[in-house]
Amino acid sequence: MPIIVVPRMGAVSPLGANVGISWSRLLADQSGIRRLPDDIVGDLPFARKSQTAYPTFTRRPILA
């Protein structure tokens, strides 16, 4: 049987930006989805409107 070594793990999910945070929030039965404010979604034709919650995320413009 071959030996398999996993040196690192990574995860970016709606629950968090790394494995530790994502896993602990998953075990705590938390959700990474939150309701969008009405001023953002306006009259979009969707039954459910939500976004992932990253409180430490800083939006930066995309460089082209």
Protein backbone atom coordinates (compact mmCIF):
# COMPACT_ATOMS: atom_id res chain seq x y z
CA MET A 1 0.00 0.00 0.00
CA PRO A 2 1.48 3.40 -0.95
CA ILE A 3 2.17 6.03 1.69
CA ILE A 4 0.28 9.27 1.08
CA VAL A 5 1.47 12.50 2.67
CA VAL A 6 -0.68 15.65 2.74
CA PRO A 7 1.69 18.48 3.68
CA ARG A 8 -0.94 21.23 3.69
CA MET A 9 -4.63 21.75 3.41
CA GLY A 10 -6.43 24.81 2.17
CA ALA A 11 -10.02 25.90 2.04
CA VAL A 12 -11.82 29.05 1.08
CA SER A 13 -15.52 28.70 1.71
CA PRO A 14 -18.46 30.81 2.81
CA LEU A 15 -17.57 29.76 6.36
CA GLY A 16 -14.06 31.21 6.33
CA ALA A 17 -10.84 31.80 4.46
CA ASN A 18 -8.84 28.88 5.87
CA VAL A 19 -9.29 25.28 6.98
CA GLY A 20 -9.28 25.97 10.74
CA ILE A 21 -11.93 28.66 10.69
CA SER A 22 -14.10 26.82 8.14
CA TRP A 23 -13.94 23.57 10.12
CA SER A 24 -14.68 25.16 13.50
CA ARG A 25 -17.66 27.08 12.08
CA LEU A 26 -18.92 23.93 10.36
CA LEU A 27 -18.75 22.00 13.64
CA ALA A 28 -20.53 24.88 15.41
CA ASP A 29 -23.37 24.54 12.85
CA GLN A 30 -22.83 28.10 11.61
CA SER A 31 -23.75 29.41 8.19
CA GLY A 32 -21.58 31.56 5.97
CA ILE A 33 -24.59 32.99 4.17
CA ARG A 34 -26.32 36.17 5.25
CA ARG A 35 -29.25 38.11 3.91
CA LEU A 36 -28.45 40.92 1.49
CA PRO A 37 -29.71 44.39 2.41
CA ASP A 38 -32.62 45.62 0.30
CA ASP A 39 -30.63 48.62 -0.95
CA ILE A 40 -28.19 46.22 -2.66
CA VAL A 41 -30.61 43.73 -4.18
CA GLY A 42 -33.37 46.16 -5.01
CA ASP A 43 -35.89 44.47 -7.25
CA LEU A 44 -33.81 41.54 -8.48
CA PRO A 45 -36.10 38.71 -9.61
CA PHE A 46 -34.82 36.07 -7.15
CA ALA A 47 -36.69 34.34 -4.34
CA ARG A 48 -33.56 34.19 -2.14
CA LYS A 49 -30.83 36.83 -2.15
CA SER A 50 -27.73 36.29 -0.04
CA GLN A 51 -23.97 36.62 0.01
CA THR A 52 -21.12 35.02 1.89
CA ALA A 53 -20.08 36.76 5.08
CA TYR A 54 -16.38 37.66 5.27
CA PRO A 55 -16.09 40.32 7.99
CA THR A 56 -12.33 40.70 7.42
CA PHE A 57 -12.54 40.80 3.61
CA THR A 58 -11.35 44.01 1.97
CA ARG A 59 -12.60 44.59 -1.55
CA ARG A 60 -9.83 45.63 -3.94
CA PRO A 61 -10.22 46.67 -7.56
CA ILE A 62 -9.15 44.12 -10.16
CA LEU A 63 -6.07 45.16 -12.07
CA ALA A 64 -6.28 44.56 -15.80
